[in-house]
C-alpha atoms as a PDB file:
ATOM      1  CA  MET A   1      -4.963   5.835 -10.850  1.00  0.00           C
ATOM      2  CA  ASP A   2      -7.843   8.039  -9.792  1.00  0.00           C
ATOM      3  CA  ASN A   3     -11.250   7.052  -8.472  1.00  0.00           C
ATOM      4  CA  ARG A   4     -12.961   8.259 -11.656  1.00  0.00           C
ATOM      5  CA  SER A   5     -11.137   5.782 -13.891  1.00  0.00           C
ATOM      6  CA  ILE A   6     -12.084   2.916 -11.552  1.00  0.00           C
ATOM      7  CA  LYS A   7     -15.736   3.858 -11.888  1.00  0.00           C
ATOM      8  CA  GLU A   8     -15.340   4.063 -15.672  1.00  0.00           C
ATOM      9  CA  ASN A   9     -13.752   0.590 -15.656  1.00  0.00           C
ATOM     10  CA  ILE A  10     -16.658  -0.779 -13.620  1.00  0.00           C
ATOM     11  CA  ARG A  11     -19.235   0.694 -15.998  1.00  0.00           C
ATOM     12  CA  ARG A  12     -17.389  -0.447 -19.135  1.00  0.00           C
ATOM     13  CA  ILE A  13     -16.822  -4.011 -17.898  1.00  0.00           C
ATOM     14  CA  ARG A  14     -20.353  -4.289 -16.455  1.00  0.00           C
ATOM     15  CA  LYS A  15     -21.795  -3.336 -19.835  1.00  0.00           C
ATOM     16  CA  SER A  16     -19.477  -5.737 -21.692  1.00  0.00           C
ATOM     17  CA  ARG A  17     -20.786  -8.513 -19.398  1.00  0.00           C
ATOM     18  CA  LYS A  18     -24.361  -7.499 -20.302  1.00  0.00           C
ATOM     19  CA  MET A  19     -25.164  -6.734 -16.676  1.00  0.00           C
ATOM     20  CA  THR A  20     -27.520  -3.960 -15.627  1.00  0.00           C
ATOM     21  CA  GLN A  21     -27.062  -1.581 -12.747  1.00  0.00           C
ATOM     22  CA  GLU A  22     -29.978  -3.386 -11.103  1.00  0.00           C
ATOM     23  CA  ASP A  23     -28.087  -6.702 -11.368  1.00  0.00           C
ATOM     24  CA  MET A  24     -25.002  -5.191  -9.759  1.00  0.00           C
ATOM     25  CA  ALA A  25     -26.947  -3.509  -6.968  1.00  0.00           C
ATOM     26  CA  ALA A  26     -28.790  -6.727  -6.131  1.00  0.00           C
ATOM     27  CA  ARG A  27     -25.613  -8.818  -6.148  1.00  0.00           C
ATOM     28  CA  LEU A  28     -23.755  -6.266  -4.024  1.00  0.00           C
ATOM     29  CA  ASP A  29     -26.733  -6.158  -1.660  1.00  0.00           C
ATOM     30  CA  ILE A  30     -27.050  -2.385  -1.943  1.00  0.00           C
ATOM     31  CA  SER A  31     -29.845  -0.179  -3.233  1.00  0.00           C
ATOM     32  CA  LEU A  32     -30.028   0.745  -6.894  1.00  0.00           C
ATOM     33  CA  THR A  33     -29.570   4.398  -5.909  1.00  0.00           C
ATOM     34  CA  ALA A  34     -26.419   3.528  -3.936  1.00  0.00           C
ATOM     35  CA  TYR A  35     -25.027   1.592  -6.887  1.00  0.00           C
ATOM     36  CA  ARG A  36     -25.834   4.383  -9.328  1.00  0.00           C
ATOM     37  CA  ASP A  37     -24.104   6.875  -7.024  1.00  0.00           C
ATOM     38  CA  LEU A  38     -21.099   4.559  -6.895  1.00  0.00           C
ATOM     39  CA  GLU A  39     -20.898   4.228 -10.675  1.00  0.00           C
ATOM     40  CA  ARG A  40     -21.584   7.941 -11.183  1.00  0.00           C
ATOM     41  CA  GLY A  41     -18.746   8.807  -8.823  1.00  0.00           C
ATOM     42  CA  SER A  42     -20.762  10.705  -6.249  1.00  0.00           C
ATOM     43  CA  THR A  43     -19.824   8.203  -3.540  1.00  0.00           C
ATOM     44  CA  ASN A  44     -16.556   6.469  -2.690  1.00  0.00           C
ATOM     45  CA  ILE A  45     -16.051   2.796  -3.424  1.00  0.00           C
ATOM     46  CA  MET A  46     -15.324   0.893  -0.242  1.00  0.00           C
ATOM     47  CA  ASN A  47     -12.440  -1.613  -0.322  1.00  0.00           C
ATOM     48  CA  ALA A  48     -14.800  -4.511   0.423  1.00  0.00           C
ATOM     49  CA  ASN A  49     -16.964  -3.498  -2.548  1.00  0.00           C
ATOM     50  CA  ILE A  50     -13.984  -3.496  -4.903  1.00  0.00           C
ATOM     51  CA  PHE A  51     -13.388  -7.191  -4.188  1.00  0.00           C
ATOM     52  CA  LYS A  52     -17.099  -7.986  -4.592  1.00  0.00           C
ATOM     53  CA  ILE A  53     -17.366  -6.001  -7.825  1.00  0.00           C
ATOM     54  CA  ALA A  54     -14.303  -7.723  -9.299  1.00  0.00           C
ATOM     55  CA  GLU A  55     -15.743 -11.101  -8.360  1.00  0.00           C
ATOM     56  CA  LEU A  56     -19.154 -10.258  -9.857  1.00  0.00           C
ATOM     57  CA  LEU A  57     -17.533  -9.104 -13.087  1.00  0.00           C
ATOM     58  CA  ASP A  58     -15.309 -12.202 -13.085  1.00  0.00           C
ATOM     59  CA  ILE A  59     -12.072 -10.208 -13.264  1.00  0.00           C
ATOM     60  CA  SER A  60      -9.130  -9.611 -10.956  1.00  0.00           C
ATOM     61  CA  VAL A  61      -9.025  -6.580  -8.682  1.00  0.00           C
ATOM     62  CA  GLU A  62      -5.936  -5.444 -10.584  1.00  0.00           C
ATOM     63  CA  GLU A  63      -7.854  -5.532 -13.864  1.00  0.00           C
ATOM     64  CA  LEU A  64     -10.716  -3.582 -12.301  1.00  0.00           C
ATOM     65  CA  LEU A  65      -8.396  -0.905 -10.923  1.00  0.00           C
ATOM     66  CA  LEU A  66      -6.047  -0.657 -13.891  1.00  0.00           C
ATOM     67  CA  GLY A  67      -8.551  -1.160 -16.688  1.00  0.00           C
ATOM     68  CA  TYR A  68      -6.482  -3.963 -18.248  1.00  0.00           C
ATOM     69  CA  ARG A  69      -5.171  -7.378 -17.256  1.00  0.00           C
ATOM     70  CA  PRO A  70      -1.594  -7.029 -16.009  1.00  0.00           C
ATOM     71  CA  VAL A  71       0.998  -9.362 -17.502  1.00  0.00           C
ATOM     72  CA  GLN A  72       2.239 -11.906 -14.995  1.00  0.00           C
ATOM     73  CA  ALA A  73       5.934 -12.723 -14.959  1.00  0.00           C
ATOM     74  CA  LYS A  74       6.335 -16.485 -15.108  1.00  0.00           C
ATOM     75  CA  GLY A  75       8.604 -18.392 -12.794  1.00  0.00           C
ATOM     76  CA  ILE A  76      10.434 -15.483 -11.192  1.00  0.00           C
ATOM     77  CA  GLN A  77      11.150 -16.422  -7.614  1.00  0.00           C
ATOM     78  CA  VAL A  78      13.017 -14.786  -4.767  1.00  0.00           C
ATOM     79  CA  GLU A  79      15.883 -17.159  -5.484  1.00  0.00           C
ATOM     80  CA  ASP A  80      16.090 -15.872  -9.072  1.00  0.00           C
ATOM     81  CA  VAL A  81      16.260 -12.279  -7.873  1.00  0.00           C
ATOM     82  CA  ARG A  82      18.883 -13.181  -5.254  1.00  0.00           C
ATOM     83  CA  ALA A  83      20.956 -14.998  -7.897  1.00  0.00           C
ATOM     84  CA  GLU A  84      20.849 -12.004 -10.234  1.00  0.00           C
ATOM     85  CA  TYR A  85      21.288  -9.285  -7.628  1.00  0.00           C
ATOM     86  CA  GLY A  86      22.935 -11.286  -4.832  1.00  0.00           C
ATOM     87  CA  GLY A  87      26.117  -9.233  -4.754  1.00  0.00           C
ATOM     88  CA  GLN A  88      24.218  -5.963  -4.575  1.00  0.00           C
ATOM     89  CA  ILE A  89      21.880  -7.353  -1.910  1.00  0.00           C
ATOM     90  CA  THR A  90      24.850  -8.473   0.202  1.00  0.00           C
ATOM     91  CA  VAL A  91      26.467  -5.034  -0.082  1.00  0.00           C
ATOM     92  CA  MET A  92      23.187  -3.352   0.918  1.00  0.00           C
ATOM     93  CA  GLU A  93      22.710  -5.743   3.849  1.00  0.00           C
ATOM     94  CA  ARG A  94      26.224  -4.906   5.091  1.00  0.00           C
ATOM     95  CA  ARG A  95      25.520  -1.191   4.682  1.00  0.00           C
ATOM     96  CA  ILE A  96      22.289  -1.524   6.661  1.00  0.00           C
ATOM     97  CA  SER A  97      24.142  -3.379   9.409  1.00  0.00           C
ATOM     98  CA  ASP A  98      26.817  -0.663   9.510  1.00  0.00           C
ATOM     99  CA  LEU A  99      24.174   2.066   9.681  1.00  0.00           C
ATOM    100  CA  GLU A 100      22.355   0.246  12.498  1.00  0.00           C
ATOM    101  CA  LYS A 101      25.634   0.116  14.462  1.00  0.00           C
ATOM    102  CA  LEU A 102      26.206   3.829  13.796  1.00  0.00           C
ATOM    103  CA  VAL A 103      22.713   4.695  15.015  1.00  0.00           C
ATOM    104  CA  SER A 104      23.269   2.634  18.162  1.00  0.00           C
ATOM    105  CA  SER A 105      26.583   4.392  18.791  1.00  0.00           C
ATOM    106  CA  LEU A 106      25.027   7.820  18.277  1.00  0.00           C
ATOM    107  CA  GLU A 107      22.188   6.945  20.661  1.00  0.00           C
ATOM    108  CA  GLU A 108      24.765   6.001  23.311  1.00  0.00           C
ATOM    109  CA  THR A 109      26.594   9.292  22.698  1.00  0.00           C
ATOM    110  CA  ILE A 110      23.368  11.235  23.166  1.00  0.00           C
ATOM    111  CA  ILE A 111      22.644   9.416  26.425  1.00  0.00           C
ATOM    112  CA  THR A 112      26.154  10.158  27.695  1.00  0.00           C
ATOM    113  CA  LYS A 113      25.909  13.837  26.726  1.00  0.00           C
ATOM    114  CA  ASN A 114      22.508  14.124  28.415  1.00  0.00           C
ATOM    115  CA  GLU A 115      23.985  12.626  31.595  1.00  0.00           C
ATOM    116  CA  ILE A 116      26.879  15.115  31.471  1.00  0.00           C
ATOM    117  CA  ILE A 117      24.461  18.012  30.940  1.00  0.00           C
ATOM    118  CA  SER A 118      22.371  16.812  33.872  1.00  0.00           C
ATOM    119  CA  MET A 119      25.432  16.565  36.133  1.00  0.00           C
ATOM    120  CA  LEU A 120      26.619  20.045  35.092  1.00  0.00           C
ATOM    121  CA  LYS A 121      23.167  21.499  35.784  1.00  0.00           C
ATOM    122  CA  LYS A 122      23.204  19.951  39.266  1.00  0.00           C
ATOM    123  CA  LYS A 123      26.719  21.285  39.866  1.00  0.00           C
ATOM    124  CA  LEU A 124      25.714  24.777  38.709  1.00  0.00           C
ATOM    125  CA  GLY A 125      22.685  24.588  40.982  1.00  0.00           C
ATOM    126  CA  GLU A 126      25.007  23.869  43.937  1.00  0.00           C
ATOM    127  CA  VAL A 127      27.262  26.823  43.094  1.00  0.00           C
ATOM    128  CA  GLU A 128      24.499  29.391  42.840  1.00  0.00           C
END
């Protein structure tokens, strides 16, 4: 999704709501020139403005950004996902735990090797 399509969505929906650029500028509390620049694409839309614009146009932010109303999945909960993919999630959780242990072990090995290198450098310094 690029910035240009967002601006096109704003213009299209604003016009379908029979709102003028002057209406939008006044409701956003910005100058008409600033609003025209925003809709023309010569200025960036600030995140705060996206929420205000969506509210003024009486649409969701998702609809403003995408240009259409996304379909909402009904009733899917974390429990449903866990029930369907529980076995895979458990395997992945075990794998993550194993990898965390491996990382910890490797960190300890690095510390030990650095200590050995330090001791050898000191010993070499004594010999020279």
